[in-house]
Protein backbone atom coordinates (compact mmCIF):
# COMPACT_ATOMS: atom_id res chain seq x y z
CA MET A 1 -18.47 7.79 32.70
CA GLY A 2 -18.19 11.52 32.04
CA ILE A 3 -18.20 13.02 28.53
CA ASP A 4 -14.50 14.00 28.81
CA THR A 5 -13.53 10.44 29.70
CA PHE A 6 -15.61 9.13 26.78
CA ARG A 7 -13.97 11.60 24.35
CA PHE A 8 -10.50 10.68 25.62
CA ARG A 9 -11.16 6.96 25.21
CA ILE A 10 -12.51 7.35 21.68
CA SER A 11 -9.70 9.72 20.61
CA SER A 12 -7.11 7.41 22.13
CA LYS A 13 -8.54 4.43 20.27
CA ILE A 14 -8.47 6.32 16.98
CA LEU A 15 -4.88 7.44 17.50
CA LEU A 16 -3.83 3.93 18.50
CA ALA A 17 -5.45 2.60 15.35
CA PHE A 18 -3.52 5.10 13.22
CA ALA A 19 -0.27 4.27 14.99
CA GLY A 20 -0.92 0.54 14.80
CA MET A 21 -1.36 0.74 11.07
CA THR A 22 2.31 1.63 10.72
CA PHE A 23 3.07 -1.92 11.82
CA THR A 24 0.38 -3.68 9.80
CA VAL A 25 1.18 -1.97 6.50
CA GLY A 26 4.95 -2.25 6.70
CA ASN A 27 5.15 -4.18 3.44
CA LEU A 28 3.18 -1.62 1.44
CA HIS A 29 5.04 0.94 -0.62
CA ALA A 30 4.58 4.49 0.60
CA GLN A 31 2.61 6.88 -1.55
CA GLU A 32 4.58 9.73 -2.99
CA VAL A 33 4.11 12.84 -0.91
CA GLY A 34 2.01 15.53 -2.57
CA ASN A 35 1.50 19.26 -2.24
CA ALA A 36 0.78 20.37 1.34
CA GLU A 37 -0.86 23.65 0.30
CA GLN A 38 -3.29 21.82 -1.97
CA GLY A 39 -3.81 19.26 0.79
CA LEU A 40 -4.95 22.03 3.13
CA ARG A 41 -7.52 23.15 0.53
CA VAL A 42 -8.80 19.58 0.13
CA ALA A 43 -8.87 19.05 3.92
CA ARG A 44 -10.84 22.25 4.47
CA ALA A 45 -13.38 21.14 1.85
CA VAL A 46 -13.65 17.46 2.84
CA CYS A 47 -12.44 16.97 6.43
CA ALA A 48 -13.10 20.21 8.32
CA GLU A 49 -16.69 19.35 9.16
CA CYS A 50 -15.34 16.93 11.77
CA HIS A 51 -11.60 17.59 12.17
CA LEU A 52 -9.69 20.73 13.08
CA VAL A 53 -7.48 20.82 9.99
CA ASP A 54 -5.67 24.11 10.67
CA LYS A 55 -2.97 24.38 13.30
CA VAL A 56 -4.68 26.36 16.05
CA PRO A 57 -3.08 25.69 19.46
CA GLY A 58 -5.58 24.80 22.16
CA GLU A 59 -8.52 24.37 19.77
CA GLN A 60 -10.50 21.16 19.34
CA SER A 61 -12.11 19.54 16.33
CA PRO A 62 -15.77 20.42 15.63
CA ASN A 63 -16.57 16.76 16.26
CA LEU A 64 -14.99 16.21 19.66
CA ILE A 65 -14.18 12.54 18.99
CA ALA A 66 -12.30 13.41 15.79
CA PRO A 67 -8.62 14.11 16.49
CA THR A 68 -7.12 17.32 15.16
CA PHE A 69 -4.83 16.96 12.15
CA GLU A 70 -1.98 18.26 14.30
CA ARG A 71 -2.59 15.48 16.83
CA ILE A 72 -2.70 12.87 14.06
CA ALA A 73 0.54 14.23 12.58
CA ASN A 74 2.31 13.98 15.91
CA THR A 75 1.20 10.45 16.73
CA PRO A 76 4.34 8.34 17.23
CA GLY A 77 5.12 6.31 14.12
CA MET A 78 2.85 8.36 11.87
CA ASN A 79 4.07 8.41 8.28
CA SER A 80 2.69 8.47 4.73
CA THR A 81 2.16 4.71 4.65
CA ALA A 82 0.12 4.74 7.86
CA LEU A 83 -1.94 7.70 6.67
CA THR A 84 -2.55 6.09 3.29
CA ALA A 85 -3.88 2.96 4.99
CA ALA A 86 -5.93 4.95 7.50
CA LEU A 87 -7.53 7.18 4.87
CA GLN A 88 -8.47 4.20 2.71
CA THR A 89 -9.98 2.15 5.56
CA SER A 90 -13.47 2.55 7.00
CA HIS A 91 -13.65 3.64 10.64
CA GLU A 92 -16.58 3.14 12.97
CA SER A 93 -16.64 6.79 14.00
CA MET A 94 -15.74 8.26 10.59
CA PRO A 95 -18.02 8.68 7.56
CA ASN A 96 -17.10 6.67 4.47
CA ILE A 97 -15.28 9.48 2.65
CA ILE A 98 -13.04 8.42 -0.20
CA ILE A 99 -10.05 10.57 -1.10
CA LYS A 100 -8.09 9.33 -4.10
CA GLY A 101 -5.07 10.06 -6.24
CA ALA A 102 -3.41 13.43 -5.98
CA ASP A 103 -5.92 14.63 -3.39
CA LEU A 104 -4.95 11.75 -1.11
CA SER A 105 -1.24 12.46 -1.54
CA ASP A 106 -1.85 16.17 -0.96
CA VAL A 107 -3.85 15.64 2.26
CA ILE A 108 -1.15 13.28 3.52
CA ALA A 109 1.54 15.84 2.72
CA TYR A 110 -0.44 18.50 4.59
CA ILE A 111 -0.95 16.33 7.68
CA LEU A 112 2.71 15.34 7.77
CA SER A 113 3.74 19.00 7.43
CA MET A 114 2.23 19.53 10.89
CA ASN A 115 4.61 17.03 12.50
CA GLU A 116 6.68 18.87 15.10
CA ARG A 117 9.55 16.35 15.18
């Protein structure tokens, strides 16, 4: 299996997990949406080591198995509830980073601001 196929499979699994969470957390109340500008600052400080957090067409994340924030934002069914669940759940390919409170709401607001729909 080539490296591109491996990256695609891992990225696809991560995106499917994010999208699937919209169905599994349907009974949870959505977090209030925060400040997207502050969310970008938090994302650059906490997430940018692995993810491309800025919207840069054609660019990839520094860690090639980590989806860009733009790709996450445009995953079908992505919303604040799904992101809240995803960011508070451990992932095999993601370090155990905990974002809480206003920072969590702000990062979610930033990611959702990249949604093109």
